[in-house]
Amino acid sequence: MKRVPLCRLDELPEGGSRGFDPMGQGQDTIFIVRRQGLHAWRNACPHWNGAPMAWRKDGYLSGDGTRIVCYAHGAQFDIETGICLLGPCVGQSLTPVMVHLINGEIHLALDNSRETTS
């Protein structure tokens, strides 16, 4: 399986989020939240397919850090499941992406399933 290195784990603090452009497209296409594990998602709100989620670079979380927020639509998502809990797409879900933790480095796995490993 092909993997793309994203960053070292210690570059993403517990409770933080960070966007990545692993294919060099000029914008962050995925983001990861580190909260009791790694939760990786496609940077696209399901309410409007392809709409980026962050209001600023790496700004994917609510002020208290308990939910992912789409700042274009106000939708709020559960960090662990990606399910929309509040907003115009209630019940819809973010698209998960697979990441691996290898020797302290986070890698994107280039396939369609979601898994985190140590």
PDB file of N, CA and C in Angstrom:
ATOM      1  N   MET A   1       0.845  -1.181   0.000  1.00  0.00           N
ATOM      2  CA  MET A   1       0.000   0.000   0.000  1.00  0.00           C
ATOM      3  C   MET A   1       0.888   1.241   0.000  1.00  0.00           C
ATOM      4  N   LYS A   2       0.578   2.185  -0.865  1.00  0.00           N
ATOM      5  CA  LYS A   2       1.334   3.427  -0.929  1.00  0.00           C
ATOM      6  C   LYS A   2       0.903   4.359   0.199  1.00  0.00           C
ATOM      7  N   ARG A   3       1.892   5.010   0.814  1.00  0.00           N
ATOM      8  CA  ARG A   3       1.631   5.961   1.893  1.00  0.00           C
ATOM      9  C   ARG A   3       2.353   7.267   1.606  1.00  0.00           C
ATOM     10  N   VAL A   4       1.736   8.373   2.039  1.00  0.00           N
ATOM     11  CA  VAL A   4       2.330   9.695   1.879  1.00  0.00           C
ATOM     12  C   VAL A   4       2.592  10.252   3.269  1.00  0.00           C
ATOM     13  N   PRO A   5       3.849  10.585   3.617  1.00  0.00           N
ATOM     14  CA  PRO A   5       4.123  11.166   4.932  1.00  0.00           C
ATOM     15  C   PRO A   5       3.522  12.566   5.043  1.00  0.00           C
ATOM     16  N   LEU A   6       2.896  12.843   6.195  1.00  0.00           N
ATOM     17  CA  LEU A   6       2.257  14.135   6.416  1.00  0.00           C
ATOM     18  C   LEU A   6       3.010  14.996   7.422  1.00  0.00           C
ATOM     19  N   CYS A   7       3.270  14.451   8.609  1.00  0.00           N
ATOM     20  CA  CYS A   7       3.995  15.196   9.642  1.00  0.00           C
ATOM     21  C   CYS A   7       4.371  14.242  10.766  1.00  0.00           C
ATOM     22  N   ARG A   8       5.177  14.720  11.668  1.00  0.00           N
ATOM     23  CA  ARG A   8       5.490  13.963  12.875  1.00  0.00           C
ATOM     24  C   ARG A   8       4.331  14.132  13.858  1.00  0.00           C
ATOM     25  N   LEU A   9       4.068  13.109  14.637  1.00  0.00           N
ATOM     26  CA  LEU A   9       2.982  13.155  15.612  1.00  0.00           C
ATOM     27  C   LEU A   9       3.154  14.328  16.576  1.00  0.00           C
ATOM     28  N   ASP A  10       4.384  14.603  16.986  1.00  0.00           N
ATOM     29  CA  ASP A  10       4.608  15.692  17.947  1.00  0.00           C
ATOM     30  C   ASP A  10       4.383  17.084  17.343  1.00  0.00           C
ATOM     31  N   GLU A  11       4.144  17.168  16.027  1.00  0.00           N
ATOM     32  CA  GLU A  11       3.809  18.438  15.380  1.00  0.00           C
ATOM     33  C   GLU A  11       2.305  18.716  15.388  1.00  0.00           C
ATOM     34  N   LEU A  12       1.541  17.765  15.883  1.00  0.00           N
ATOM     35  CA  LEU A  12       0.092  17.903  16.000  1.00  0.00           C
ATOM     36  C   LEU A  12      -0.277  17.665  17.459  1.00  0.00           C
ATOM     37  N   PRO A  13      -0.435  18.724  18.241  1.00  0.00           N
ATOM     38  CA  PRO A  13      -0.682  18.555  19.673  1.00  0.00           C
ATOM     39  C   PRO A  13      -2.030  17.921  19.973  1.00  0.00           C
ATOM     40  N   GLU A  14      -2.124  17.230  21.092  1.00  0.00           N
ATOM     41  CA  GLU A  14      -3.387  16.667  21.563  1.00  0.00           C
ATOM     42  C   GLU A  14      -4.411  17.793  21.639  1.00  0.00           C
ATOM     43  N   GLY A  15      -5.603  17.547  21.079  1.00  0.00           N
ATOM     44  CA  GLY A  15      -6.663  18.550  21.070  1.00  0.00           C
ATOM     45  C   GLY A  15      -6.581  19.512  19.900  1.00  0.00           C
ATOM     46  N   GLY A  16      -5.587  19.337  19.020  1.00  0.00           N
ATOM     47  CA  GLY A  16      -5.399  20.231  17.886  1.00  0.00           C
ATOM     48  C   GLY A  16      -5.858  19.630  16.579  1.00  0.00           C
ATOM     49  N   SER A  17      -5.878  20.471  15.549  1.00  0.00           N
ATOM     50  CA  SER A  17      -6.230  20.028  14.204  1.00  0.00           C
ATOM     51  C   SER A  17      -5.237  20.638  13.222  1.00  0.00           C
ATOM     52  N   ARG A  18      -5.112  19.970  12.078  1.00  0.00           N
ATOM     53  CA  ARG A  18      -4.173  20.456  11.064  1.00  0.00           C
ATOM     54  C   ARG A  18      -4.600  19.958   9.692  1.00  0.00           C
ATOM     55  N   GLY A  19      -4.552  20.857   8.710  1.00  0.00           N
ATOM     56  CA  GLY A  19      -4.876  20.503   7.339  1.00  0.00           C
ATOM     57  C   GLY A  19      -3.635  20.125   6.557  1.00  0.00           C
ATOM     58  N   PHE A  20      -3.834  19.330   5.503  1.00  0.00           N
ATOM     59  CA  PHE A  20      -2.727  18.854   4.685  1.00  0.00           C
ATOM     60  C   PHE A  20      -3.125  18.875   3.207  1.00  0.00           C
ATOM     61  N   ASP A  21      -2.128  19.084   2.367  1.00  0.00           N
ATOM     62  CA  ASP A  21      -2.267  19.052   0.918  1.00  0.00           C
ATOM     63  C   ASP A  21      -1.328  17.970   0.392  1.00  0.00           C
ATOM     64  N   PRO A  22      -1.661  16.689   0.617  1.00  0.00           N
ATOM     65  CA  PRO A  22      -0.718  15.611   0.308  1.00  0.00           C
ATOM     66  C   PRO A  22      -0.414  15.432  -1.175  1.00  0.00           C
ATOM     67  N   MET A  23      -1.285  15.883  -2.054  1.00  0.00           N
ATOM     68  CA  MET A  23      -1.070  15.706  -3.491  1.00  0.00           C
ATOM     69  C   MET A  23      -0.617  16.990  -4.172  1.00  0.00           C
ATOM     70  N   GLY A  24      -0.324  18.036  -3.370  1.00  0.00           N
ATOM     71  CA  GLY A  24       0.169  19.286  -3.930  1.00  0.00           C
ATOM     72  C   GLY A  24      -0.839  20.001  -4.816  1.00  0.00           C
ATOM     73  N   GLN A  25      -2.100  20.029  -4.409  1.00  0.00           N
ATOM     74  CA  GLN A  25      -3.163  20.655  -5.200  1.00  0.00           C
ATOM     75  C   GLN A  25      -3.324  22.144  -4.912  1.00  0.00           C
ATOM     76  N   GLY A  26      -2.574  22.679  -3.967  1.00  0.00           N
ATOM     77  CA  GLY A  26      -2.655  24.093  -3.665  1.00  0.00           C
ATOM     78  C   GLY A  26      -3.639  24.461  -2.577  1.00  0.00           C
ATOM     79  N   GLN A  27      -4.290  23.469  -1.989  1.00  0.00           N
ATOM     80  CA  GLN A  27      -5.185  23.701  -0.848  1.00  0.00           C
ATOM     81  C   GLN A  27      -5.254  22.426  -0.015  1.00  0.00           C
ATOM     82  N   ASP A  28      -5.561  22.580   1.262  1.00  0.00           N
ATOM     83  CA  ASP A  28      -5.662  21.413   2.138  1.00  0.00           C
ATOM     84  C   ASP A  28      -6.870  20.576   1.730  1.00  0.00           C
ATOM     85  N   THR A  29      -6.626  19.328   1.374  1.00  0.00           N
ATOM     86  CA  THR A  29      -7.708  18.443   0.938  1.00  0.00           C
ATOM     87  C   THR A  29      -8.127  17.463   2.024  1.00  0.00           C
ATOM     88  N   ILE A  30      -7.302  17.320   3.054  1.00  0.00           N
ATOM     89  CA  ILE A  30      -7.656  16.490   4.209  1.00  0.00           C
ATOM     90  C   ILE A  30      -7.268  17.240   5.471  1.00  0.00           C
ATOM     91  N   PHE A  31      -7.833  16.815   6.605  1.00  0.00           N
ATOM     92  CA  PHE A  31      -7.394  17.350   7.886  1.00  0.00           C
ATOM     93  C   PHE A  31      -7.443  16.242   8.926  1.00  0.00           C
ATOM     94  N   ILE A  32      -6.643  16.435   9.964  1.00  0.00           N
ATOM     95  CA  ILE A  32      -6.564  15.460  11.049  1.00  0.00           C
ATOM     96  C   ILE A  32      -6.801  16.181  12.365  1.00  0.00           C
ATOM     97  N   VAL A  33      -7.596  15.562  13.214  1.00  0.00           N
ATOM     98  CA  VAL A  33      -7.799  16.032  14.576  1.00  0.00           C
ATOM     99  C   VAL A  33      -7.143  15.012  15.496  1.00  0.00           C
ATOM    100  N   ARG A  34      -6.327  15.502  16.414  1.00  0.00           N
ATOM    101  CA  ARG A  34      -5.722  14.609  17.404  1.00  0.00           C
ATOM    102  C   ARG A  34      -6.461  14.799  18.724  1.00  0.00           C
ATOM    103  N   ARG A  35      -7.302  13.847  19.022  1.00  0.00           N
ATOM    104  CA  ARG A  35      -8.063  13.862  20.272  1.00  0.00           C
ATOM    105  C   ARG A  35      -8.281  12.414  20.687  1.00  0.00           C
ATOM    106  N   GLN A  36      -7.511  11.963  21.656  1.00  0.00           N
ATOM    107  CA  GLN A  36      -7.547  10.570  22.090  1.00  0.00           C
ATOM    108  C   GLN A  36      -7.414   9.653  20.878  1.00  0.00           C
ATOM    109  N   GLY A  37      -6.461   9.938  20.041  1.00  0.00           N
ATOM    110  CA  GLY A  37      -6.224   9.210  18.807  1.00  0.00           C
ATOM    111  C   GLY A  37      -6.185  10.176  17.650  1.00  0.00           C
ATOM    112  N   LEU A  38      -6.100   9.634  16.455  1.00  0.00           N
ATOM    113  CA  LEU A  38      -6.077  10.441  15.238  1.00  0.00           C
ATOM    114  C   LEU A  38      -7.371  10.222  14.468  1.00  0.00           C
ATOM    115  N   HIS A  39      -8.004  11.312  14.058  1.00  0.00           N
ATOM    116  CA  HIS A  39      -9.254  11.260  13.314  1.00  0.00           C
ATOM    117  C   HIS A  39      -9.040  12.073  12.041  1.00  0.00           C
ATOM    118  N   ALA A  40      -9.010  11.391  10.907  1.00  0.00           N
ATOM    119  CA  ALA A  40      -8.667  12.024   9.636  1.00  0.00           C
ATOM    120  C   ALA A  40      -9.882  12.079   8.717  1.00  0.00           C
ATOM    121  N   TRP A  41     -10.072  13.240   8.081  1.00  0.00           N
ATOM    122  CA  TRP A  41     -11.258  13.488   7.272  1.00  0.00           C
ATOM    123  C   TRP A  41     -10.899  14.241   6.002  1.00  0.00           C
ATOM    124  N   ARG A  42     -11.711  14.055   4.981  1.00  0.00           N
ATOM    125  CA  ARG A  42     -11.608  14.850   3.764  1.00  0.00           C
ATOM    126  C   ARG A  42     -12.080  16.264   4.092  1.00  0.00           C
ATOM    127  N   ASN A  43     -11.396  17.274   3.601  1.00  0.00           N
ATOM    128  CA  ASN A  43     -11.730  18.663   3.881  1.00  0.00           C
ATOM    129  C   ASN A  43     -12.838  19.125   2.938  1.00  0.00           C
ATOM    130  N   ALA A  44     -14.044  18.610   3.158  1.00  0.00           N
ATOM    131  CA  ALA A  44     -15.194  18.941   2.326  1.00  0.00           C
ATOM    132  C   ALA A  44     -16.471  18.742   3.129  1.00  0.00           C
ATOM    133  N   CYS A  45     -17.255  19.792   3.258  1.00  0.00           N
ATOM    134  CA  CYS A  45     -18.521  19.696   3.987  1.00  0.00           C
ATOM    135  C   CYS A  45     -19.530  18.920   3.150  1.00  0.00           C
ATOM    136  N   PRO A  46     -20.261  17.972   3.742  1.00  0.00           N
ATOM    137  CA  PRO A  46     -21.265  17.227   2.976  1.00  0.00           C
ATOM    138  C   PRO A  46     -22.466  18.085   2.575  1.00  0.00           C
ATOM    139  N   HIS A  47     -22.663  19.225   3.235  1.00  0.00           N
ATOM    140  CA  HIS A  47     -23.783  20.100   2.892  1.00  0.00           C
ATOM    141  C   HIS A  47     -23.598  20.705   1.500  1.00  0.00           C
ATOM    142  N   TRP A  48     -22.376  21.038   1.181  1.00  0.00           N
ATOM    143  CA  TRP A  48     -22.064  21.588  -0.135  1.00  0.00           C
ATOM    144  C   TRP A  48     -20.781  20.913  -0.562  1.00  0.00           C
ATOM    145  N   ASN A  49     -20.890  19.867  -1.339  1.00  0.00           N
ATOM    146  CA  ASN A  49     -19.749  19.020  -1.682  1.00  0.00           C
ATOM    147  C   ASN A  49     -18.565  19.848  -2.166  1.00  0.00           C
ATOM    148  N   GLY A  50     -17.453  19.654  -1.502  1.00  0.00           N
ATOM    149  CA  GLY A  50     -16.227  20.320  -1.877  1.00  0.00           C
ATOM    150  C   GLY A  50     -15.954  21.604  -1.129  1.00  0.00           C
ATOM    151  N   ALA A  51     -16.931  22.118  -0.361  1.00  0.00           N
ATOM    152  CA  ALA A  51     -16.700  23.354   0.388  1.00  0.00           C
ATOM    153  C   ALA A  51     -15.674  23.099   1.484  1.00  0.00           C
ATOM    154  N   PRO A  52     -14.568  23.858   1.506  1.00  0.00           N
ATOM    155  CA  PRO A  52     -13.574  23.681   2.569  1.00  0.00           C
ATOM    156  C   PRO A  52     -14.175  24.032   3.930  1.00  0.00           C
ATOM    157  N   MET A  53     -13.670  23.370   4.967  1.00  0.00           N
ATOM    158  CA  MET A  53     -14.255  23.481   6.299  1.00  0.00           C
ATOM    159  C   MET A  53     -13.668  24.601   7.166  1.00  0.00           C
ATOM    160  N   ALA A  54     -12.384  24.866   7.053  1.00  0.00           N
ATOM    161  CA  ALA A  54     -11.686  25.753   7.988  1.00  0.00           C
ATOM    162  C   ALA A  54     -11.936  27.230   7.687  1.00  0.00           C
ATOM    163  N   TRP A  55     -11.959  28.036   8.725  1.00  0.00           N
ATOM    164  CA  TRP A  55     -12.110  29.484   8.565  1.00  0.00           C
ATOM    165  C   TRP A  55     -10.751  30.164   8.415  1.00  0.00           C
ATOM    166  N   ARG A  56      -9.699  29.458   8.814  1.00  0.00           N
ATOM    167  CA  ARG A  56      -8.316  29.896   8.630  1.00  0.00           C
ATOM    168  C   ARG A  56      -7.464  28.635   8.592  1.00  0.00           C
ATOM    169  N   LYS A  57      -6.214  28.754   8.241  1.00  0.00           N
ATOM    170  CA  LYS A  57      -5.326  27.593   8.176  1.00  0.00           C
ATOM    171  C   LYS A  57      -5.404  26.808   9.480  1.00  0.00           C
ATOM    172  N   ASP A  58      -5.742  25.533   9.385  1.00  0.00           N
ATOM    173  CA  ASP A  58      -5.830  24.593  10.504  1.00  0.00           C
ATOM    174  C   ASP A  58      -6.960  24.907  11.489  1.00  0.00           C
ATOM    175  N   GLY A  59      -7.885  25.768  11.137  1.00  0.00           N
ATOM    176  CA  GLY A  59      -8.991  26.143  12.022  1.00  0.00           C
ATOM    177  C   GLY A  59     -10.234  25.308  11.789  1.00  0.00           C
ATOM    178  N   TYR A  60     -10.193  24.045  12.192  1.00  0.00           N
ATOM    179  CA  TYR A  60     -11.296  23.107  11.952  1.00  0.00           C
ATOM    180  C   TYR A  60     -12.179  22.878  13.171  1.00  0.00           C
ATOM    181  N   LEU A  61     -11.771  23.331  14.335  1.00  0.00           N
ATOM    182  CA  LEU A  61     -12.486  22.986  15.570  1.00  0.00           C
ATOM    183  C   LEU A  61     -13.268  24.167  16.135  1.00  0.00           C
ATOM    184  N   SER A  62     -14.291  23.824  16.911  1.00  0.00           N
ATOM    185  CA  SER A  62     -15.045  24.835  17.647  1.00  0.00           C
ATOM    186  C   SER A  62     -14.126  25.508  18.659  1.00  0.00           C
ATOM    187  N   GLY A  63     -14.548  26.634  19.180  1.00  0.00           N
ATOM    188  CA  GLY A  63     -13.736  27.383  20.144  1.00  0.00           C
ATOM    189  C   GLY A  63     -13.321  26.572  21.349  1.00  0.00           C
ATOM    190  N   ASP A  64     -14.180  25.657  21.794  1.00  0.00           N
ATOM    191  CA  ASP A  64     -13.844  24.825  22.952  1.00  0.00           C
ATOM    192  C   ASP A  64     -13.166  23.512  22.555  1.00  0.00           C
ATOM    193  N   GLY A  65     -12.976  23.285  21.242  1.00  0.00           N
ATOM    194  CA  GLY A  65     -12.262  22.104  20.763  1.00  0.00           C
ATOM    195  C   GLY A  65     -13.028  20.802  20.836  1.00  0.00           C
ATOM    196  N   THR A  66     -14.350  20.862  21.017  1.00  0.00           N
ATOM    197  CA  THR A  66     -15.121  19.634  21.191  1.00  0.00           C
ATOM    198  C   THR A  66     -15.784  19.126  19.909  1.00  0.00           C
ATOM    199  N   ARG A  67     -15.826  19.953  18.862  1.00  0.00           N
ATOM    200  CA  ARG A  67     -16.467  19.558  17.609  1.00  0.00           C
ATOM    201  C   ARG A  67     -15.701  20.123  16.414  1.00  0.00           C
ATOM    202  N   ILE A  68     -15.853  19.462  15.291  1.00  0.00           N
ATOM    203  CA  ILE A  68     -15.372  19.988  14.013  1.00  0.00           C
ATOM    204  C   ILE A  68     -16.465  20.922  13.502  1.00  0.00           C
ATOM    205  N   VAL A  69     -16.075  22.067  12.961  1.00  0.00           N
ATOM    206  CA  VAL A  69     -17.052  23.041  12.478  1.00  0.00           C
ATOM    207  C   VAL A  69     -16.760  23.406  11.027  1.00  0.00           C
ATOM    208  N   CYS A  70     -17.808  23.428  10.212  1.00  0.00           N
ATOM    209  CA  CYS A  70     -17.709  23.986   8.873  1.00  0.00           C
ATOM    210  C   CYS A  70     -18.064  25.460   9.006  1.00  0.00           C
ATOM    211  N   TYR A  71     -17.082  26.309   8.845  1.00  0.00           N
ATOM    212  CA  TYR A  71     -17.318  27.728   9.055  1.00  0.00           C
ATOM    213  C   TYR A  71     -18.080  28.377   7.910  1.00  0.00           C
ATOM    214  N   ALA A  72     -18.220  27.709   6.769  1.00  0.00           N
ATOM    215  CA  ALA A  72     -19.016  28.252   5.670  1.00  0.00           C
ATOM    216  C   ALA A  72     -20.511  28.107   5.954  1.00  0.00           C
ATOM    217  N   HIS A  73     -20.904  27.029   6.641  1.00  0.00           N
ATOM    218  CA  HIS A  73     -22.316  26.724   6.843  1.00  0.00           C
ATOM    219  C   HIS A  73     -22.722  26.623   8.309  1.00  0.00           C
ATOM    220  N   GLY A  74     -21.759  26.611   9.220  1.00  0.00           N
ATOM    221  CA  GLY A  74     -22.071  26.494  10.636  1.00  0.00           C
ATOM    222  C   GLY A  74     -22.349  25.086  11.104  1.00  0.00           C
ATOM    223  N   ALA A  75     -22.191  24.106  10.231  1.00  0.00           N
ATOM    224  CA  ALA A  75     -22.434  22.714  10.623  1.00  0.00           C
ATOM    225  C   ALA A  75     -21.402  22.276  11.650  1.00  0.00           C
ATOM    226  N   GLN A  76     -21.829  21.447  12.599  1.00  0.00           N
ATOM    227  CA  GLN A  76     -20.938  20.925  13.638  1.00  0.00           C
ATOM    228  C   GLN A  76     -20.943  19.406  13.581  1.00  0.00           C
ATOM    229  N   PHE A  77     -19.734  18.828  13.649  1.00  0.00           N
ATOM    230  CA  PHE A  77     -19.550  17.389  13.473  1.00  0.00           C
ATOM    231  C   PHE A  77     -18.857  16.783  14.675  1.00  0.00           C
ATOM    232  N   ASP A  78     -19.217  15.544  14.985  1.00  0.00           N
ATOM    233  CA  ASP A  78     -18.548  14.780  16.019  1.00  0.00           C
ATOM    234  C   ASP A  78     -17.128  14.460  15.546  1.00  0.00           C
ATOM    235  N   ILE A  79     -16.143  14.682  16.387  1.00  0.00           N
ATOM    236  CA  ILE A  79     -14.743  14.467  16.018  1.00  0.00           C
ATOM    237  C   ILE A  79     -14.463  13.007  15.699  1.00  0.00           C
ATOM    238  N   GLU A  80     -15.003  12.090  16.478  1.00  0.00           N
ATOM    239  CA  GLU A  80     -14.679  10.670  16.311  1.00  0.00           C
ATOM    240  C   GLU A  80     -15.442   9.990  15.180  1.00  0.00           C
ATOM    241  N   THR A  81     -16.702  10.362  14.960  1.00  0.00           N
ATOM    242  CA  THR A  81     -17.516   9.676  13.951  1.00  0.00           C
ATOM    243  C   THR A  81     -17.683  10.476  12.662  1.00  0.00           C
ATOM    244  N   GLY A  82     -17.493  11.791  12.723  1.00  0.00           N
ATOM    245  CA  GLY A  82     -17.701  12.645  11.559  1.00  0.00           C
ATOM    246  C   GLY A  82     -19.151  12.942  11.251  1.00  0.00           C
ATOM    247  N   ILE A  83     -20.074  12.509  12.096  1.00  0.00           N
ATOM    248  CA  ILE A  83     -21.505  12.724  11.867  1.00  0.00           C
ATOM    249  C   ILE A  83     -21.881  14.161  12.229  1.00  0.00           C
ATOM    250  N   CYS A  84     -22.685  14.783  11.364  1.00  0.00           N
ATOM    251  CA  CYS A  84     -23.157  16.143  11.618  1.00  0.00           C
ATOM    252  C   CYS A  84     -24.206  16.115  12.727  1.00  0.00           C
ATOM    253  N   LEU A  85     -23.956  16.905  13.770  1.00  0.00           N
ATOM    254  CA  LEU A  85     -24.837  16.953  14.923  1.00  0.00           C
ATOM    255  C   LEU A  85     -25.723  18.194  14.939  1.00  0.00           C
ATOM    256  N   LEU A  86     -25.284  19.238  14.208  1.00  0.00           N
ATOM    257  CA  LEU A  86     -26.012  20.504  14.212  1.00  0.00           C
ATOM    258  C   LEU A  86     -25.722  21.235  12.917  1.00  0.00           C
ATOM    259  N   GLY A  87     -26.762  21.792  12.297  1.00  0.00           N
ATOM    260  CA  GLY A  87     -26.566  22.560  11.078  1.00  0.00           C
ATOM    261  C   GLY A  87     -27.344  21.997   9.907  1.00  0.00           C
ATOM    262  N   PRO A  88     -27.051  22.481   8.695  1.00  0.00           N
ATOM    263  CA  PRO A  88     -27.859  22.144   7.527  1.00  0.00           C
ATOM    264  C   PRO A  88     -27.699  20.715   7.006  1.00  0.00           C
ATOM    265  N   CYS A  89     -26.774  19.955   7.546  1.00  0.00           N
ATOM    266  CA  CYS A  89     -26.574  18.584   7.044  1.00  0.00           C
ATOM    267  C   CYS A  89     -26.656  17.551   8.171  1.00  0.00           C
ATOM    268  N   VAL A  90     -27.532  17.781   9.149  1.00  0.00           N
ATOM    269  CA  VAL A  90     -27.690  16.867  10.285  1.00  0.00           C
ATOM    270  C   VAL A  90     -27.873  15.438   9.783  1.00  0.00           C
ATOM    271  N   GLY A  91     -27.108  14.531  10.377  1.00  0.00           N
ATOM    272  CA  GLY A  91     -27.187  13.127  10.023  1.00  0.00           C
ATOM    273  C   GLY A  91     -26.235  12.719   8.910  1.00  0.00           C
ATOM    274  N   GLN A  92     -25.776  13.670   8.109  1.00  0.00           N
ATOM    275  CA  GLN A  92     -24.789  13.357   7.091  1.00  0.00           C
ATOM    276  C   GLN A  92     -23.420  13.259   7.758  1.00  0.00           C
ATOM    277  N   SER A  93     -22.433  12.818   7.008  1.00  0.00           N
ATOM    278  CA  SER A  93     -21.140  12.551   7.623  1.00  0.00           C
ATOM    279  C   SER A  93     -19.996  13.065   6.761  1.00  0.00           C
ATOM    280  N   LEU A  94     -18.915  13.429   7.437  1.00  0.00           N
ATOM    281  CA  LEU A  94     -17.664  13.732   6.750  1.00  0.00           C
ATOM    282  C   LEU A  94     -17.126  12.440   6.145  1.00  0.00           C
ATOM    283  N   THR A  95     -16.282  12.572   5.148  1.00  0.00           N
ATOM    284  CA  THR A  95     -15.670  11.410   4.510  1.00  0.00           C
ATOM    285  C   THR A  95     -14.352  11.082   5.198  1.00  0.00           C
ATOM    286  N   PRO A  96     -14.255   9.884   5.780  1.00  0.00           N
ATOM    287  CA  PRO A  96     -13.016   9.519   6.481  1.00  0.00           C
ATOM    288  C   PRO A  96     -11.891   9.189   5.503  1.00  0.00           C
ATOM    289  N   VAL A  97     -10.674   9.403   5.963  1.00  0.00           N
ATOM    290  CA  VAL A  97      -9.493   8.975   5.220  1.00  0.00           C
ATOM    291  C   VAL A  97      -8.619   8.135   6.145  1.00  0.00           C
ATOM    292  N   MET A  98      -7.847   7.258   5.575  1.00  0.00           N
ATOM    293  CA  MET A  98      -7.018   6.344   6.354  1.00  0.00           C
ATOM    294  C   MET A  98      -5.645   6.957   6.612  1.00  0.00           C
ATOM    295  N   VAL A  99      -5.229   6.923   7.863  1.00  0.00           N
ATOM    296  CA  VAL A  99      -3.877   7.331   8.228  1.00  0.00           C
ATOM    297  C   VAL A  99      -3.230   6.236   9.067  1.00  0.00           C
ATOM    298  N   HIS A 100      -1.908   6.218   9.031  1.00  0.00           N
ATOM    299  CA  HIS A 100      -1.123   5.285   9.835  1.00  0.00           C
ATOM    300  C   HIS A 100      -0.101   6.073  10.632  1.00  0.00           C
ATOM    301  N   LEU A 101       0.176   5.616  11.824  1.00  0.00           N
ATOM    302  CA  LEU A 101       1.253   6.174  12.635  1.00  0.00           C
ATOM    303  C   LEU A 101       2.412   5.194  12.562  1.00  0.00           C
ATOM    304  N   ILE A 102       3.510   5.628  11.953  1.00  0.00           N
ATOM    305  CA  ILE A 102       4.670   4.771  11.745  1.00  0.00           C
ATOM    306  C   ILE A 102       5.902   5.468  12.299  1.00  0.00           C
ATOM    307  N   ASN A 103       6.483   4.875  13.329  1.00  0.00           N
ATOM    308  CA  ASN A 103       7.690   5.440  13.949  1.00  0.00           C
ATOM    309  C   ASN A 103       7.548   6.919  14.284  1.00  0.00           C
ATOM    310  N   GLY A 104       6.397   7.285  14.860  1.00  0.00           N
ATOM    311  CA  GLY A 104       6.176   8.659  15.290  1.00  0.00           C
ATOM    312  C   GLY A 104       5.810   9.622  14.180  1.00  0.00           C
ATOM    313  N   GLU A 105       5.538   9.103  12.985  1.00  0.00           N
ATOM    314  CA  GLU A 105       5.180   9.943  11.849  1.00  0.00           C
ATOM    315  C   GLU A 105       3.808   9.538  11.324  1.00  0.00           C
ATOM    316  N   ILE A 106       2.985  10.537  10.993  1.00  0.00           N
ATOM    317  CA  ILE A 106       1.646  10.287  10.452  1.00  0.00           C
ATOM    318  C   ILE A 106       1.746  10.195   8.934  1.00  0.00           C
ATOM    319  N   HIS A 107       1.168   9.110   8.388  1.00  0.00           N
ATOM    320  CA  HIS A 107       1.166   8.881   6.945  1.00  0.00           C
ATOM    321  C   HIS A 107      -0.268   8.735   6.459  1.00  0.00           C
ATOM    322  N   LEU A 108      -0.548   9.287   5.285  1.00  0.00           N
ATOM    323  CA  LEU A 108      -1.817   9.078   4.612  1.00  0.00           C
ATOM    324  C   LEU A 108      -1.708   7.806   3.793  1.00  0.00           C
ATOM    325  N   ALA A 109      -2.671   6.905   3.962  1.00  0.00           N
ATOM    326  CA  ALA A 109      -2.728   5.678   3.158  1.00  0.00           C
ATOM    327  C   ALA A 109      -3.610   5.968   1.958  1.00  0.00           C
ATOM    328  N   LEU A 110      -3.130   5.639   0.786  1.00  0.00           N
ATOM    329  CA  LEU A 110      -3.872   5.942  -0.441  1.00  0.00           C
ATOM    330  C   LEU A 110      -4.798   4.792  -0.811  1.00  0.00           C
ATOM    331  N   ASP A 111      -5.885   4.659  -0.040  1.00  0.00           N
ATOM    332  CA  ASP A 111      -6.991   3.764  -0.383  1.00  0.00           C
ATOM    333  C   ASP A 111      -8.247   4.321   0.269  1.00  0.00           C
ATOM    334  N   ASN A 112      -9.370   3.654   0.146  1.00  0.00           N
ATOM    335  CA  ASN A 112     -10.655   4.249   0.530  1.00  0.00           C
ATOM    336  C   ASN A 112     -11.142   3.946   1.939  1.00  0.00           C
ATOM    337  N   SER A 113     -10.474   3.107   2.689  1.00  0.00           N
ATOM    338  CA  SER A 113     -10.978   2.767   4.019  1.00  0.00           C
ATOM    339  C   SER A 113     -10.295   3.609   5.081  1.00  0.00           C
ATOM    340  N   ARG A 114     -10.822   3.551   6.300  1.00  0.00           N
ATOM    341  CA  ARG A 114     -10.277   4.343   7.403  1.00  0.00           C
ATOM    342  C   ARG A 114      -9.704   3.411   8.452  1.00  0.00           C
ATOM    343  N   GLU A 115      -8.508   3.744   8.908  1.00  0.00           N
ATOM    344  CA  GLU A 115      -7.872   2.946   9.952  1.00  0.00           C
ATOM    345  C   GLU A 115      -6.763   3.781  10.551  1.00  0.00           C
ATOM    346  N   THR A 116      -6.577   3.667  11.851  1.00  0.00           N
ATOM    347  CA  THR A 116      -5.401   4.268  12.464  1.00  0.00           C
ATOM    348  C   THR A 116      -4.635   3.156  13.128  1.00  0.00           C
ATOM    349  N   THR A 117      -3.339   3.172  12.978  1.00  0.00           N
ATOM    350  CA  THR A 117      -2.506   2.146  13.561  1.00  0.00           C
ATOM    351  C   THR A 117      -1.323   2.768  14.263  1.00  0.00           C
ATOM    352  N   SER A 118      -0.705   2.038  15.171  1.00  0.00           N
ATOM    353  CA  SER A 118       0.481   2.537  15.859  1.00  0.00           C
ATOM    354  C   SER A 118       1.688   1.767  15.412  1.00  0.00           C
TER     355      SER A 118
END
